[in-house]
């Protein structure tokens, strides 16, 4: 916890930035590195716009306990920069705040 689910990013691209992402997110969110999950969603989606197939843009869903806006801003800026540096031109990040009593690990909530 937290869990980052990344969609529409090439596997090798995510592997390339994974260490930097985990290091920086650990620092920003003040969580241990080993508590962070970085998951690649490899479902093949087809995006349609104006009657044509278009390249989908990366989306990152972040599941974590609620954090202040400035922490969300800093995480979003860092993730976006990392993906822009790989050549992606549009990135969406969605933060999903989970109440501690709704997150269970080995049958126990936080």
Protein backbone atom coordinates (compact mmCIF):
# COMPACT_ATOMS: atom_id res chain seq x y z
CA UNK A 1 0.00 0.00 0.00
CA UNK A 2 -0.09 2.30 -1.93
CA UNK A 3 -0.88 0.51 -5.18
CA UNK A 4 -0.24 2.11 -8.57
CA UNK A 5 -2.01 0.48 -11.54
CA UNK A 6 -0.57 1.71 -14.83
CA UNK A 7 -2.45 1.28 -18.13
CA UNK A 8 -1.48 1.98 -21.76
CA UNK A 9 2.27 2.07 -21.07
CA UNK A 10 4.74 -0.32 -22.68
CA UNK A 11 6.07 -2.94 -20.27
CA UNK A 12 9.72 -2.04 -20.95
CA UNK A 13 8.96 1.65 -20.39
CA UNK A 14 7.47 0.94 -16.97
CA UNK A 15 10.39 -1.32 -16.09
CA UNK A 16 12.79 1.47 -17.08
CA UNK A 17 11.25 4.03 -14.71
CA UNK A 18 10.11 1.67 -11.94
CA UNK A 19 13.03 2.20 -9.56
CA UNK A 20 12.86 6.00 -9.82
CA UNK A 21 9.07 5.93 -9.41
CA UNK A 22 9.18 3.77 -6.31
CA UNK A 23 12.06 5.75 -4.79
CA UNK A 24 10.37 9.11 -5.30
CA UNK A 25 6.86 7.98 -4.31
CA UNK A 26 8.32 6.45 -1.15
CA UNK A 27 9.92 9.80 -0.34
CA UNK A 28 6.91 11.98 -1.22
CA UNK A 29 4.26 9.81 0.46
CA UNK A 30 6.51 8.84 3.38
CA UNK A 31 5.98 5.09 2.97
CA UNK A 32 8.53 2.27 2.86
CA UNK A 33 9.62 1.24 -0.65
CA UNK A 34 8.53 -2.36 -0.03
CA UNK A 35 4.98 -1.17 0.74
CA UNK A 36 4.51 0.22 -2.79
CA UNK A 37 3.00 -1.92 -5.52
CA UNK A 38 3.56 -0.92 -9.15
CA UNK A 39 1.31 -2.95 -11.42
CA UNK A 40 1.04 -2.89 -15.21
CA UNK A 41 -2.49 -3.42 -16.54
CA UNK A 42 -1.92 -5.29 -19.78
CA UNK A 43 -5.53 -5.48 -20.93
CA UNK A 44 -5.63 -4.47 -24.57
CA UNK A 45 -8.06 -1.58 -24.98
CA UNK A 46 -9.06 0.06 -28.21
CA UNK A 47 -9.76 3.78 -28.02
CA UNK A 48 -12.18 5.20 -30.58
CA UNK A 49 -12.56 8.90 -31.35
CA UNK A 50 -14.50 10.45 -34.24
CA UNK A 51 -14.90 7.11 -35.98
CA UNK A 52 -11.20 6.19 -35.85
CA UNK A 53 -8.98 4.06 -33.68
CA UNK A 54 -6.56 6.30 -31.76
CA UNK A 55 -3.59 5.55 -29.52
CA UNK A 56 -4.76 5.51 -25.89
CA UNK A 57 -2.90 7.66 -23.40
CA UNK A 58 -1.40 6.36 -20.16
CA UNK A 59 -3.59 6.26 -17.11
CA UNK A 60 -2.33 5.69 -13.57
CA UNK A 61 -4.81 4.67 -10.88
CA UNK A 62 -3.45 5.27 -7.39
CA UNK A 63 -5.08 3.38 -4.53
CA UNK A 64 -3.97 4.60 -1.10
CA UNK A 65 -5.01 6.09 2.20
CA UNK A 66 -6.05 9.73 1.83
CA UNK A 67 -3.18 12.19 1.61
CA UNK A 68 -3.04 16.00 1.47
CA UNK A 69 -3.48 17.70 -1.89
CA UNK A 70 0.17 18.83 -2.03
CA UNK A 71 1.35 15.19 -1.81
CA UNK A 72 -1.05 14.19 -4.59
CA UNK A 73 0.17 17.14 -6.68
CA UNK A 74 3.82 16.22 -6.20
CA UNK A 75 3.23 12.55 -7.03
CA UNK A 76 1.17 13.43 -10.11
CA UNK A 77 3.81 15.87 -11.35
CA UNK A 78 6.62 13.33 -10.90
CA UNK A 79 4.75 10.46 -12.57
CA UNK A 80 3.71 12.70 -15.46
CA UNK A 81 7.28 13.94 -15.99
CA UNK A 82 8.64 10.39 -16.00
CA UNK A 83 6.15 9.36 -18.68
CA UNK A 84 6.65 12.55 -20.71
CA UNK A 85 10.40 11.84 -20.68
CA UNK A 86 9.60 8.48 -22.33
CA UNK A 87 7.69 10.23 -25.12
CA UNK A 88 4.12 9.95 -23.92
CA UNK A 89 2.28 13.23 -24.55
CA UNK A 90 -0.80 12.96 -22.33
CA UNK A 91 -1.12 11.29 -18.91
CA UNK A 92 -4.15 10.88 -16.65
CA UNK A 93 -3.74 10.12 -12.96
CA UNK A 94 -6.65 9.18 -10.73
CA UNK A 95 -6.28 9.06 -6.96
CA UNK A 96 -8.60 6.68 -5.12
CA UNK A 97 -8.60 7.31 -1.37
CA UNK A 98 -9.29 4.16 0.62
CA UNK A 99 -10.46 4.44 4.25
CA UNK A 100 -8.00 2.50 6.43
CA UNK A 101 -10.75 0.24 7.71
CA UNK A 102 -11.49 -0.83 4.10
CA UNK A 103 -7.92 -1.96 3.29
CA UNK A 104 -7.13 -5.45 4.55
CA UNK A 105 -3.81 -7.29 4.57
CA UNK A 106 -3.85 -10.95 5.57
CA UNK A 107 -7.38 -10.56 6.92
CA UNK A 108 -6.68 -7.51 9.09
CA UNK A 109 -7.53 -3.91 8.30
CA UNK A 110 -5.15 -1.04 8.92
